[in-house]
Amino acid sequence: MKVLLVNGSPHAEGCTYTALEEVSKALNAEGIETEIFQIGKSPIVGCTACHSCAKNGRCAFPDCVNDFLDLAKDADGFVFGSPVHFAAAGGAITSFMDRAFYADLSSGRQSFCLKPAAAVVSARRAGTTATFDQLNKYFTISEMPIISSRYWNMVHGAVPEDVKKDLEGLQTMRILGKNMAWFLKCKEAGMKAGVPLPIREKITYTNFID
């Protein structure tokens, strides 16, 4: 089993990475393979609603979003990490997730459906709970079980050295990793025991106009 962790910070080994690495170590200790996917510093354009993904199965913009989607189909679980920018998720990870989740939904890939997910947030001081709530919305619209820890999944610090002193935050990350590993093992055991995944209904789209 493998969990894909997405570092939504432009800093390859900054505070968000430090939090994700703690989750990764806990997963590894439980026998779960991990990979940290770095979205990088290159600008990531937002979704333009061109609907090319529905026709081609891929986003029209040839960047890290498609690279991620190629990996996502084989992943068993996901952790998305973001720094806090003005009490919200960073612009890059927001554009990244908008396009990745929309492309997956529109193309019928189903790379995320019924796979466990978690959000991890890092901040110097505040804005963490708003960002945490924002990221979780991607999971609930994609039928992804959300994995929790003993506190909201956040760490605090201006630099990685600060995060390493946030002992409660690091413990929260470790518990998150252990809980996700437990869920993955339970899901695998259920499948082996003959418990099928829920039958998916055809999606009904409505609006509020008569």
N, C-alpha and C. Protein backbone atom coordinates (compact mmCIF):
# COMPACT_ATOMS: atom_id res chain seq x y z
N MET A 1 0.84 -1.20 0.00
CA MET A 1 0.00 0.00 0.00
C MET A 1 0.87 1.24 0.00
N LYS A 2 0.36 2.29 -0.62
CA LYS A 2 1.15 3.51 -0.76
C LYS A 2 0.30 4.75 -0.53
N VAL A 3 0.88 5.70 0.20
CA VAL A 3 0.23 6.99 0.44
C VAL A 3 1.05 8.07 -0.26
N LEU A 4 0.36 8.91 -1.00
CA LEU A 4 0.99 10.02 -1.71
C LEU A 4 0.77 11.30 -0.90
N LEU A 5 1.88 11.94 -0.50
CA LEU A 5 1.81 13.17 0.27
C LEU A 5 2.21 14.34 -0.62
N VAL A 6 1.38 15.36 -0.68
CA VAL A 6 1.61 16.50 -1.57
C VAL A 6 2.07 17.70 -0.77
N ASN A 7 3.26 18.18 -1.10
CA ASN A 7 3.80 19.38 -0.46
C ASN A 7 3.38 20.60 -1.27
N GLY A 8 2.40 21.33 -0.76
CA GLY A 8 1.88 22.48 -1.47
C GLY A 8 2.63 23.77 -1.22
N SER A 9 3.78 23.67 -0.58
CA SER A 9 4.61 24.86 -0.34
C SER A 9 5.65 25.01 -1.44
N PRO A 10 6.00 26.25 -1.79
CA PRO A 10 7.09 26.44 -2.77
C PRO A 10 8.45 26.05 -2.21
N HIS A 11 8.53 25.87 -0.89
CA HIS A 11 9.79 25.48 -0.25
C HIS A 11 9.86 23.97 -0.14
N ALA A 12 10.83 23.39 -0.82
CA ALA A 12 10.92 21.93 -0.92
C ALA A 12 11.12 21.27 0.44
N GLU A 13 11.81 21.93 1.35
CA GLU A 13 12.06 21.34 2.66
C GLU A 13 11.78 22.35 3.77
N GLY A 14 10.64 23.02 3.65
CA GLY A 14 10.26 24.02 4.64
C GLY A 14 9.37 23.45 5.73
N CYS A 15 8.53 24.29 6.29
CA CYS A 15 7.70 23.90 7.43
C CYS A 15 6.65 22.85 7.04
N THR A 16 6.01 23.04 5.89
CA THR A 16 5.00 22.07 5.45
C THR A 16 5.64 20.71 5.21
N TYR A 17 6.80 20.70 4.57
CA TYR A 17 7.52 19.45 4.33
C TYR A 17 7.88 18.77 5.65
N THR A 18 8.29 19.54 6.63
CA THR A 18 8.67 18.98 7.92
C THR A 18 7.49 18.25 8.56
N ALA A 19 6.30 18.82 8.44
CA ALA A 19 5.09 18.17 8.96
C ALA A 19 4.78 16.90 8.17
N LEU A 20 4.84 16.98 6.86
CA LEU A 20 4.55 15.82 6.02
C LEU A 20 5.55 14.69 6.26
N GLU A 21 6.80 15.06 6.48
CA GLU A 21 7.83 14.05 6.73
C GLU A 21 7.53 13.28 8.02
N GLU A 22 6.99 13.95 9.01
CA GLU A 22 6.64 13.27 10.26
C GLU A 22 5.50 12.28 10.03
N VAL A 23 4.52 12.67 9.21
CA VAL A 23 3.44 11.76 8.86
C VAL A 23 4.00 10.57 8.08
N SER A 24 4.88 10.85 7.15
CA SER A 24 5.49 9.81 6.31
C SER A 24 6.24 8.78 7.14
N LYS A 25 7.00 9.25 8.12
CA LYS A 25 7.76 8.33 8.97
C LYS A 25 6.83 7.40 9.75
N ALA A 26 5.73 7.95 10.24
CA ALA A 26 4.77 7.13 10.98
C ALA A 26 4.13 6.08 10.08
N LEU A 27 3.82 6.46 8.85
CA LEU A 27 3.27 5.50 7.89
C LEU A 27 4.28 4.40 7.57
N ASN A 28 5.51 4.80 7.34
CA ASN A 28 6.57 3.83 7.02
C ASN A 28 6.75 2.83 8.15
N ALA A 29 6.66 3.33 9.39
CA ALA A 29 6.83 2.45 10.55
C ALA A 29 5.72 1.40 10.62
N GLU A 30 4.58 1.69 9.97
CA GLU A 30 3.46 0.75 9.94
C GLU A 30 3.46 -0.09 8.66
N GLY A 31 4.54 0.01 7.90
CA GLY A 31 4.66 -0.81 6.69
C GLY A 31 4.00 -0.22 5.46
N ILE A 32 3.65 1.07 5.49
CA ILE A 32 3.02 1.73 4.36
C ILE A 32 4.07 2.52 3.58
N GLU A 33 4.14 2.29 2.29
CA GLU A 33 5.07 3.03 1.43
C GLU A 33 4.56 4.46 1.25
N THR A 34 5.47 5.41 1.13
CA THR A 34 5.08 6.81 0.94
C THR A 34 5.92 7.48 -0.14
N GLU A 35 5.37 8.53 -0.69
CA GLU A 35 6.10 9.40 -1.63
C GLU A 35 5.63 10.82 -1.42
N ILE A 36 6.57 11.75 -1.26
CA ILE A 36 6.21 13.16 -1.13
C ILE A 36 6.33 13.82 -2.51
N PHE A 37 5.22 14.36 -2.98
CA PHE A 37 5.15 15.01 -4.28
C PHE A 37 5.26 16.50 -4.08
N GLN A 38 6.30 17.11 -4.62
CA GLN A 38 6.54 18.54 -4.47
C GLN A 38 5.97 19.29 -5.67
N ILE A 39 5.06 20.23 -5.44
CA ILE A 39 4.46 20.94 -6.57
C ILE A 39 5.42 21.97 -7.17
N GLY A 40 6.44 22.37 -6.42
CA GLY A 40 7.47 23.23 -6.97
C GLY A 40 7.16 24.71 -6.92
N LYS A 41 8.04 25.48 -7.54
CA LYS A 41 7.94 26.94 -7.53
C LYS A 41 7.36 27.52 -8.82
N SER A 42 7.22 26.71 -9.84
CA SER A 42 6.69 27.24 -11.10
C SER A 42 5.23 27.65 -10.93
N PRO A 43 4.82 28.73 -11.58
CA PRO A 43 3.42 29.16 -11.45
C PRO A 43 2.45 28.07 -11.92
N ILE A 44 1.35 27.91 -11.18
CA ILE A 44 0.33 26.93 -11.53
C ILE A 44 -0.95 27.69 -11.86
N VAL A 45 -1.36 27.62 -13.10
CA VAL A 45 -2.54 28.36 -13.53
C VAL A 45 -3.78 27.72 -12.92
N GLY A 46 -4.77 28.52 -12.65
CA GLY A 46 -6.03 28.00 -12.12
C GLY A 46 -6.86 27.35 -13.20
N CYS A 47 -7.91 26.65 -12.79
CA CYS A 47 -8.82 26.00 -13.74
C CYS A 47 -9.55 27.07 -14.55
N THR A 48 -9.60 26.87 -15.87
CA THR A 48 -10.27 27.82 -16.76
C THR A 48 -11.62 27.29 -17.26
N ALA A 49 -12.06 26.15 -16.72
CA ALA A 49 -13.34 25.55 -17.09
C ALA A 49 -13.45 25.30 -18.59
N CYS A 50 -12.35 24.86 -19.19
CA CYS A 50 -12.35 24.57 -20.63
C CYS A 50 -12.93 23.19 -20.93
N HIS A 51 -13.02 22.34 -19.91
CA HIS A 51 -13.61 21.00 -20.00
C HIS A 51 -12.82 20.04 -20.89
N SER A 52 -11.57 20.38 -21.17
CA SER A 52 -10.74 19.46 -21.94
C SER A 52 -10.52 18.15 -21.21
N CYS A 53 -10.47 18.21 -19.88
CA CYS A 53 -10.24 17.00 -19.08
C CYS A 53 -11.36 15.98 -19.28
N ALA A 54 -12.57 16.46 -19.50
CA ALA A 54 -13.70 15.55 -19.70
C ALA A 54 -13.55 14.78 -21.01
N LYS A 55 -12.90 15.40 -22.00
CA LYS A 55 -12.74 14.77 -23.30
C LYS A 55 -11.47 13.93 -23.38
N ASN A 56 -10.39 14.46 -22.79
CA ASN A 56 -9.08 13.83 -22.97
C ASN A 56 -8.58 13.06 -21.75
N GLY A 57 -9.26 13.21 -20.63
CA GLY A 57 -8.83 12.52 -19.43
C GLY A 57 -7.64 13.17 -18.75
N ARG A 58 -7.22 14.32 -19.26
CA ARG A 58 -6.08 15.04 -18.70
C ARG A 58 -6.37 16.53 -18.75
N CYS A 59 -5.70 17.27 -17.85
CA CYS A 59 -5.84 18.72 -17.88
C CYS A 59 -5.14 19.28 -19.11
N ALA A 60 -5.69 20.35 -19.66
CA ALA A 60 -5.13 20.94 -20.88
C ALA A 60 -3.76 21.57 -20.65
N PHE A 61 -3.47 21.94 -19.39
CA PHE A 61 -2.18 22.57 -19.10
C PHE A 61 -1.15 21.50 -18.74
N PRO A 62 -0.08 21.39 -19.51
CA PRO A 62 0.91 20.32 -19.29
C PRO A 62 1.89 20.66 -18.18
N ASP A 63 1.47 20.44 -16.95
CA ASP A 63 2.37 20.75 -15.83
C ASP A 63 2.27 19.68 -14.75
N CYS A 64 2.61 20.03 -13.53
CA CYS A 64 2.69 19.04 -12.45
C CYS A 64 1.34 18.43 -12.08
N VAL A 65 0.25 19.07 -12.46
CA VAL A 65 -1.07 18.51 -12.14
C VAL A 65 -1.25 17.16 -12.84
N ASN A 66 -0.91 17.09 -14.12
CA ASN A 66 -1.01 15.83 -14.84
C ASN A 66 -0.02 14.80 -14.32
N ASP A 67 1.16 15.26 -13.93
CA ASP A 67 2.15 14.34 -13.33
C ASP A 67 1.58 13.71 -12.06
N PHE A 68 0.92 14.53 -11.27
CA PHE A 68 0.31 14.04 -10.04
C PHE A 68 -0.82 13.06 -10.33
N LEU A 69 -1.68 13.38 -11.29
CA LEU A 69 -2.80 12.52 -11.61
C LEU A 69 -2.34 11.15 -12.10
N ASP A 70 -1.21 11.11 -12.78
CA ASP A 70 -0.66 9.83 -13.22
C ASP A 70 -0.28 8.96 -12.03
N LEU A 71 0.19 9.59 -10.96
CA LEU A 71 0.57 8.85 -9.75
C LEU A 71 -0.65 8.53 -8.89
N ALA A 72 -1.64 9.41 -8.91
CA ALA A 72 -2.78 9.29 -8.01
C ALA A 72 -3.59 8.02 -8.25
N LYS A 73 -3.67 7.59 -9.49
CA LYS A 73 -4.52 6.44 -9.78
C LYS A 73 -4.04 5.17 -9.09
N ASP A 74 -2.74 5.10 -8.78
CA ASP A 74 -2.18 3.91 -8.13
C ASP A 74 -1.96 4.09 -6.63
N ALA A 75 -2.26 5.27 -6.11
CA ALA A 75 -2.08 5.52 -4.67
C ALA A 75 -3.29 5.00 -3.90
N ASP A 76 -3.04 4.61 -2.65
CA ASP A 76 -4.12 4.10 -1.79
C ASP A 76 -4.65 5.15 -0.83
N GLY A 77 -3.89 6.21 -0.61
CA GLY A 77 -4.30 7.27 0.30
C GLY A 77 -3.53 8.54 -0.01
N PHE A 78 -4.01 9.66 0.54
CA PHE A 78 -3.42 10.96 0.22
C PHE A 78 -3.33 11.85 1.45
N VAL A 79 -2.27 12.65 1.49
CA VAL A 79 -2.15 13.72 2.47
C VAL A 79 -1.74 14.98 1.71
N PHE A 80 -2.53 16.03 1.83
CA PHE A 80 -2.23 17.29 1.15
C PHE A 80 -1.80 18.32 2.19
N GLY A 81 -0.62 18.90 1.99
CA GLY A 81 -0.10 19.88 2.92
C GLY A 81 -0.03 21.27 2.31
N SER A 82 -0.34 22.27 3.12
CA SER A 82 -0.29 23.64 2.63
C SER A 82 0.17 24.60 3.71
N PRO A 83 0.95 25.61 3.32
CA PRO A 83 1.21 26.71 4.24
C PRO A 83 -0.02 27.61 4.30
N VAL A 84 -0.06 28.48 5.29
CA VAL A 84 -1.15 29.44 5.40
C VAL A 84 -0.73 30.75 4.77
N HIS A 85 -1.52 31.23 3.81
CA HIS A 85 -1.29 32.53 3.19
C HIS A 85 -2.56 33.36 3.39
N PHE A 86 -2.48 34.40 4.19
CA PHE A 86 -3.62 35.27 4.45
C PHE A 86 -4.84 34.45 4.94
N ALA A 87 -4.60 33.58 5.91
CA ALA A 87 -5.64 32.77 6.55
C ALA A 87 -6.33 31.82 5.58
N ALA A 88 -5.61 31.40 4.54
CA ALA A 88 -6.16 30.46 3.56
C ALA A 88 -5.02 29.62 2.99
N ALA A 89 -5.39 28.59 2.25
CA ALA A 89 -4.38 27.77 1.59
C ALA A 89 -3.63 28.61 0.56
N GLY A 90 -2.39 28.27 0.30
CA GLY A 90 -1.58 29.00 -0.67
C GLY A 90 -2.21 28.96 -2.06
N GLY A 91 -1.92 29.98 -2.85
CA GLY A 91 -2.49 30.06 -4.19
C GLY A 91 -2.11 28.89 -5.08
N ALA A 92 -0.87 28.43 -4.97
CA ALA A 92 -0.40 27.35 -5.83
C ALA A 92 -1.14 26.05 -5.54
N ILE A 93 -1.24 25.68 -4.26
CA ILE A 93 -1.90 24.42 -3.92
C ILE A 93 -3.40 24.51 -4.20
N THR A 94 -3.97 25.71 -4.08
CA THR A 94 -5.40 25.87 -4.39
C THR A 94 -5.65 25.63 -5.88
N SER A 95 -4.85 26.25 -6.74
CA SER A 95 -4.99 26.03 -8.18
C SER A 95 -4.72 24.56 -8.53
N PHE A 96 -3.71 23.99 -7.88
CA PHE A 96 -3.34 22.59 -8.10
C PHE A 96 -4.51 21.66 -7.78
N MET A 97 -5.11 21.85 -6.62
CA MET A 97 -6.19 20.96 -6.20
C MET A 97 -7.47 21.23 -6.99
N ASP A 98 -7.75 22.48 -7.32
CA ASP A 98 -8.91 22.78 -8.17
C ASP A 98 -8.85 21.97 -9.46
N ARG A 99 -7.70 22.01 -10.10
CA ARG A 99 -7.56 21.35 -11.40
C ARG A 99 -7.48 19.83 -11.26
N ALA A 100 -6.73 19.36 -10.26
CA ALA A 100 -6.58 17.91 -10.10
C ALA A 100 -7.91 17.24 -9.77
N PHE A 101 -8.65 17.80 -8.84
CA PHE A 101 -9.91 17.18 -8.44
C PHE A 101 -10.98 17.33 -9.51
N TYR A 102 -10.98 18.47 -10.20
CA TYR A 102 -11.97 18.64 -11.26
C TYR A 102 -11.67 17.72 -12.44
N ALA A 103 -10.40 17.60 -12.80
CA ALA A 103 -10.02 16.72 -13.91
C ALA A 103 -10.35 15.28 -13.60
N ASP A 104 -10.12 14.87 -12.35
CA ASP A 104 -10.42 13.50 -11.96
C ASP A 104 -11.92 13.24 -12.04
N LEU A 105 -12.71 14.19 -11.55
CA LEU A 105 -14.16 14.03 -11.56
C LEU A 105 -14.71 14.05 -12.99
N SER A 106 -14.27 15.02 -13.79
CA SER A 106 -14.82 15.18 -15.14
C SER A 106 -14.43 14.05 -16.08
N SER A 107 -13.23 13.51 -15.87
CA SER A 107 -12.74 12.46 -16.77
C SER A 107 -13.21 11.07 -16.38
N GLY A 108 -13.78 10.96 -15.18
CA GLY A 108 -14.22 9.66 -14.72
C GLY A 108 -13.11 8.75 -14.26
N ARG A 109 -11.95 9.33 -13.95
CA ARG A 109 -10.81 8.53 -13.49
C ARG A 109 -11.10 7.80 -12.18
N GLN A 110 -11.76 8.49 -11.26
CA GLN A 110 -12.05 7.98 -9.93
C GLN A 110 -10.77 7.61 -9.17
N SER A 111 -9.76 8.46 -9.29
CA SER A 111 -8.50 8.22 -8.58
C SER A 111 -8.62 8.48 -7.08
N PHE A 112 -9.63 9.24 -6.67
CA PHE A 112 -9.75 9.63 -5.28
C PHE A 112 -10.90 8.94 -4.54
N CYS A 113 -11.90 8.49 -5.24
CA CYS A 113 -13.12 7.98 -4.63
C CYS A 113 -12.84 6.84 -3.65
N LEU A 114 -13.33 7.00 -2.42
CA LEU A 114 -13.23 6.02 -1.34
C LEU A 114 -11.79 5.71 -0.90
N LYS A 115 -10.87 6.59 -1.26
CA LYS A 115 -9.51 6.48 -0.75
C LYS A 115 -9.34 7.49 0.39
N PRO A 116 -8.70 7.12 1.49
CA PRO A 116 -8.58 8.03 2.63
C PRO A 116 -7.71 9.24 2.32
N ALA A 117 -8.06 10.35 2.93
CA ALA A 117 -7.31 11.59 2.71
C ALA A 117 -7.20 12.38 4.00
N ALA A 118 -6.21 13.23 4.05
CA ALA A 118 -6.02 14.12 5.20
C ALA A 118 -5.36 15.40 4.73
N ALA A 119 -5.62 16.48 5.45
CA ALA A 119 -4.99 17.77 5.18
C ALA A 119 -4.04 18.09 6.32
N VAL A 120 -2.90 18.68 5.98
CA VAL A 120 -1.91 19.12 6.96
C VAL A 120 -1.59 20.58 6.68
N VAL A 121 -1.57 21.39 7.72
CA VAL A 121 -1.40 22.83 7.56
C VAL A 121 -0.25 23.34 8.44
N SER A 122 0.54 24.25 7.89
CA SER A 122 1.60 24.87 8.69
C SER A 122 1.46 26.38 8.64
N ALA A 123 1.74 27.01 9.78
CA ALA A 123 1.64 28.47 9.86
C ALA A 123 2.58 28.99 10.92
N ARG A 124 2.96 30.23 10.78
CA ARG A 124 3.74 30.86 11.83
C ARG A 124 2.90 31.03 13.08
N ARG A 125 1.63 31.46 12.87
CA ARG A 125 0.82 31.77 14.05
C ARG A 125 -0.65 31.39 13.88
N ALA A 126 -1.36 31.97 12.89
CA ALA A 126 -2.81 31.78 12.82
C ALA A 126 -3.26 31.50 11.39
N GLY A 127 -4.57 31.27 11.24
CA GLY A 127 -5.16 30.98 9.94
C GLY A 127 -5.22 29.50 9.62
N THR A 128 -4.78 28.67 10.57
CA THR A 128 -4.68 27.24 10.31
C THR A 128 -6.04 26.56 10.18
N THR A 129 -6.98 26.89 11.06
CA THR A 129 -8.25 26.18 11.02
C THR A 129 -9.06 26.52 9.76
N ALA A 130 -8.96 27.76 9.30
CA ALA A 130 -9.65 28.14 8.06
C ALA A 130 -9.06 27.39 6.87
N THR A 131 -7.75 27.28 6.85
CA THR A 131 -7.07 26.55 5.77
C THR A 131 -7.39 25.07 5.83
N PHE A 132 -7.40 24.51 7.04
CA PHE A 132 -7.72 23.10 7.25
C PHE A 132 -9.12 22.79 6.73
N ASP A 133 -10.07 23.66 7.04
CA ASP A 133 -11.45 23.49 6.57
C ASP A 133 -11.52 23.57 5.05
N GLN A 134 -10.79 24.51 4.47
CA GLN A 134 -10.79 24.68 3.01
C GLN A 134 -10.32 23.41 2.30
N LEU A 135 -9.23 22.83 2.77
CA LEU A 135 -8.68 21.65 2.11
C LEU A 135 -9.59 20.43 2.27
N ASN A 136 -10.22 20.31 3.41
CA ASN A 136 -11.08 19.15 3.63
C ASN A 136 -12.28 19.11 2.69
N LYS A 137 -12.69 20.24 2.19
CA LYS A 137 -13.84 20.27 1.28
C LYS A 137 -13.58 19.51 -0.02
N TYR A 138 -12.32 19.48 -0.46
CA TYR A 138 -12.01 18.71 -1.67
C TYR A 138 -12.29 17.23 -1.44
N PHE A 139 -12.05 16.76 -0.23
CA PHE A 139 -12.21 15.34 0.06
C PHE A 139 -13.68 14.94 0.16
N THR A 140 -14.47 15.78 0.82
CA THR A 140 -15.86 15.41 1.02
C THR A 140 -16.65 15.39 -0.28
N ILE A 141 -16.26 16.21 -1.25
CA ILE A 141 -16.98 16.22 -2.52
C ILE A 141 -16.54 15.06 -3.41
N SER A 142 -15.46 14.38 -3.01
CA SER A 142 -14.92 13.29 -3.82
C SER A 142 -15.10 11.92 -3.16
N GLU A 143 -15.97 11.85 -2.16
CA GLU A 143 -16.28 10.59 -1.46
C GLU A 143 -15.02 9.96 -0.83
N MET A 144 -14.19 10.80 -0.25
CA MET A 144 -12.97 10.33 0.38
C MET A 144 -13.12 10.33 1.90
N PRO A 145 -12.93 9.19 2.56
CA PRO A 145 -12.94 9.18 4.02
C PRO A 145 -11.83 10.07 4.57
N ILE A 146 -12.15 10.96 5.49
CA ILE A 146 -11.17 11.86 6.06
C ILE A 146 -10.56 11.24 7.31
N ILE A 147 -9.25 11.17 7.34
CA ILE A 147 -8.53 10.61 8.49
C ILE A 147 -8.20 11.74 9.46
N SER A 148 -8.49 11.51 10.73
CA SER A 148 -8.24 12.54 11.74
C SER A 148 -7.10 12.13 12.66
N SER A 149 -6.70 13.07 13.48
CA SER A 149 -5.69 12.83 14.51
C SER A 149 -6.31 13.21 15.85
N ARG A 150 -5.50 13.47 16.85
CA ARG A 150 -6.05 13.83 18.17
C ARG A 150 -6.27 15.35 18.27
N TYR A 151 -5.85 16.08 17.28
CA TYR A 151 -6.06 17.53 17.23
C TYR A 151 -6.12 17.88 15.75
N TRP A 152 -6.47 19.11 15.42
CA TRP A 152 -6.45 19.52 14.02
C TRP A 152 -5.02 19.41 13.50
N ASN A 153 -4.91 18.98 12.26
CA ASN A 153 -3.59 18.64 11.69
C ASN A 153 -2.80 19.90 11.33
N MET A 154 -2.17 20.48 12.33
CA MET A 154 -1.42 21.72 12.11
C MET A 154 -0.12 21.73 12.90
N VAL A 155 0.86 22.43 12.34
CA VAL A 155 2.11 22.69 13.05
C VAL A 155 2.37 24.18 12.97
N HIS A 156 3.18 24.67 13.92
CA HIS A 156 3.48 26.09 13.96
C HIS A 156 4.98 26.34 13.92
N GLY A 157 5.36 27.37 13.19
CA GLY A 157 6.75 27.76 13.13
C GLY A 157 7.03 28.60 11.90
N ALA A 158 8.00 29.49 12.02
CA ALA A 158 8.40 30.32 10.88
C ALA A 158 9.42 29.62 10.01
N VAL A 159 10.16 28.69 10.60
CA VAL A 159 11.19 27.91 9.90
C VAL A 159 11.09 26.46 10.38
N PRO A 160 11.66 25.50 9.62
CA PRO A 160 11.57 24.09 10.02
C PRO A 160 12.07 23.82 11.43
N GLU A 161 13.08 24.54 11.87
CA GLU A 161 13.62 24.34 13.22
C GLU A 161 12.56 24.65 14.27
N ASP A 162 11.70 25.64 13.99
CA ASP A 162 10.60 25.96 14.90
C ASP A 162 9.59 24.82 14.95
N VAL A 163 9.27 24.27 13.78
CA VAL A 163 8.30 23.19 13.71
C VAL A 163 8.78 21.99 14.52
N LYS A 164 10.07 21.73 14.48
CA LYS A 164 10.62 20.59 15.21
C LYS A 164 10.52 20.78 16.72
N LYS A 165 10.30 22.02 17.16
CA LYS A 165 10.10 22.30 18.59
C LYS A 165 8.62 22.23 18.97
N ASP A 166 7.74 22.17 17.96
CA ASP A 166 6.31 22.08 18.22
C ASP A 166 5.97 20.62 18.50
N LEU A 167 6.20 20.20 19.72
CA LEU A 167 6.08 18.78 20.07
C LEU A 167 4.65 18.26 19.92
N GLU A 168 3.68 19.09 20.27
CA GLU A 168 2.30 18.65 20.11
C GLU A 168 1.94 18.53 18.64
N GLY A 169 2.40 19.49 17.85
CA GLY A 169 2.13 19.42 16.42
C GLY A 169 2.73 18.18 15.78
N LEU A 170 3.97 17.87 16.14
CA LEU A 170 4.62 16.68 15.59
C LEU A 170 3.92 15.41 16.04
N GLN A 171 3.47 15.39 17.29
CA GLN A 171 2.72 14.22 17.77
C GLN A 171 1.42 14.07 16.98
N THR A 172 0.77 15.18 16.70
CA THR A 172 -0.45 15.15 15.90
C THR A 172 -0.18 14.53 14.53
N MET A 173 0.97 14.86 13.93
CA MET A 173 1.34 14.30 12.63
C MET A 173 1.57 12.79 12.74
N ARG A 174 2.24 12.36 13.79
CA ARG A 174 2.52 10.92 13.95
C ARG A 174 1.23 10.13 14.15
N ILE A 175 0.33 10.66 14.97
CA ILE A 175 -0.94 9.98 15.20
C ILE A 175 -1.75 9.92 13.90
N LEU A 176 -1.69 10.98 13.12
CA LEU A 176 -2.37 11.00 11.83
C LEU A 176 -1.85 9.87 10.95
N GLY A 177 -0.52 9.71 10.88
CA GLY A 177 0.06 8.65 10.07
C GLY A 177 -0.36 7.27 10.55
N LYS A 178 -0.36 7.07 11.86
CA LYS A 178 -0.77 5.78 12.42
C LYS A 178 -2.25 5.50 12.14
N ASN A 179 -3.08 6.52 12.26
CA ASN A 179 -4.51 6.34 12.01
C ASN A 179 -4.79 6.03 10.55
N MET A 180 -4.05 6.68 9.64
CA MET A 180 -4.25 6.38 8.22
C MET A 180 -3.79 4.96 7.90
N ALA A 181 -2.68 4.55 8.50
CA ALA A 181 -2.19 3.18 8.27
C ALA A 181 -3.23 2.17 8.76
N TRP A 182 -3.82 2.43 9.93
CA TRP A 182 -4.85 1.54 10.47
C TRP A 182 -6.05 1.46 9.54
N PHE A 183 -6.49 2.60 9.04
CA PHE A 183 -7.64 2.62 8.13
C PHE A 183 -7.33 1.83 6.86
N LEU A 184 -6.15 2.03 6.29
CA LEU A 184 -5.78 1.32 5.06
C LEU A 184 -5.76 -0.19 5.28
N LYS A 185 -5.25 -0.61 6.43
CA LYS A 185 -5.20 -2.04 6.73
C LYS A 185 -6.60 -2.61 6.93
N CYS A 186 -7.46 -1.84 7.57
CA CYS A 186 -8.85 -2.28 7.76
C CYS A 186 -9.57 -2.38 6.41
N LYS A 187 -9.34 -1.42 5.55
CA LYS A 187 -9.96 -1.45 4.23
C LYS A 187 -9.48 -2.67 3.45
N GLU A 188 -8.19 -2.93 3.49
CA GLU A 188 -7.63 -4.10 2.80
C GLU A 188 -8.21 -5.40 3.36
N ALA A 189 -8.31 -5.48 4.69
CA ALA A 189 -8.85 -6.68 5.32
C ALA A 189 -10.32 -6.89 4.93
N GLY A 190 -11.06 -5.79 4.88
CA GLY A 190 -12.46 -5.89 4.49
C GLY A 190 -12.63 -6.38 3.06
N MET A 191 -11.80 -5.86 2.16
CA MET A 191 -11.86 -6.30 0.76
C MET A 191 -11.53 -7.78 0.64
N LYS A 192 -10.52 -8.23 1.39
CA LYS A 192 -10.14 -9.64 1.35
C LYS A 192 -11.22 -10.53 1.93
N ALA A 193 -11.98 -9.98 2.88
CA ALA A 193 -13.06 -10.75 3.50
C ALA A 193 -14.34 -10.74 2.67
N GLY A 194 -14.31 -10.05 1.55
CA GLY A 194 -15.46 -10.04 0.66
C GLY A 194 -16.42 -8.89 0.85
N VAL A 195 -15.99 -7.87 1.60
CA VAL A 195 -16.84 -6.68 1.76
C VAL A 195 -16.63 -5.77 0.55
N PRO A 196 -17.62 -5.62 -0.31
CA PRO A 196 -17.42 -4.83 -1.53
C PRO A 196 -17.49 -3.34 -1.27
N LEU A 197 -16.94 -2.58 -2.17
CA LEU A 197 -17.09 -1.13 -2.11
C LEU A 197 -18.54 -0.77 -2.43
N PRO A 198 -19.04 0.35 -1.95
CA PRO A 198 -20.42 0.74 -2.24
C PRO A 198 -20.66 0.86 -3.74
N ILE A 199 -21.84 0.48 -4.17
CA ILE A 199 -22.21 0.65 -5.57
C ILE A 199 -22.46 2.13 -5.83
N ARG A 200 -21.79 2.67 -6.81
CA ARG A 200 -21.92 4.11 -7.09
C ARG A 200 -23.17 4.38 -7.93
N GLU A 201 -23.91 5.36 -7.53
CA GLU A 201 -25.07 5.80 -8.30
C GLU A 201 -24.63 6.77 -9.40
N LYS A 202 -25.41 6.85 -10.44
CA LYS A 202 -25.17 7.86 -11.46
C LYS A 202 -25.45 9.22 -10.84
N ILE A 203 -24.53 10.15 -11.02
CA ILE A 203 -24.66 11.45 -10.38
C ILE A 203 -25.81 12.24 -10.97
N THR A 204 -26.62 12.81 -10.10
CA THR A 204 -27.72 13.67 -10.51
C THR A 204 -27.33 15.11 -10.24
N TYR A 205 -27.31 15.93 -11.30
CA TYR A 205 -26.97 17.34 -11.16
C TYR A 205 -28.25 18.18 -11.20
N THR A 206 -28.40 19.07 -10.25
CA THR A 206 -29.55 19.97 -10.23
C THR A 206 -29.09 21.38 -9.95
N ASN A 207 -29.96 22.34 -10.19
CA ASN A 207 -29.73 23.70 -9.74
C ASN A 207 -31.03 24.19 -9.10
N PHE A 208 -31.12 25.45 -8.82
CA PHE A 208 -32.28 25.99 -8.10
C PHE A 208 -33.15 26.85 -8.98
N ILE A 209 -33.05 26.62 -10.29
CA ILE A 209 -33.86 27.36 -11.25
C ILE A 209 -34.99 26.45 -11.75
N ASP A 210 -36.23 26.91 -11.63
CA ASP A 210 -37.37 26.10 -12.10
C ASP A 210 -37.37 26.02 -13.62
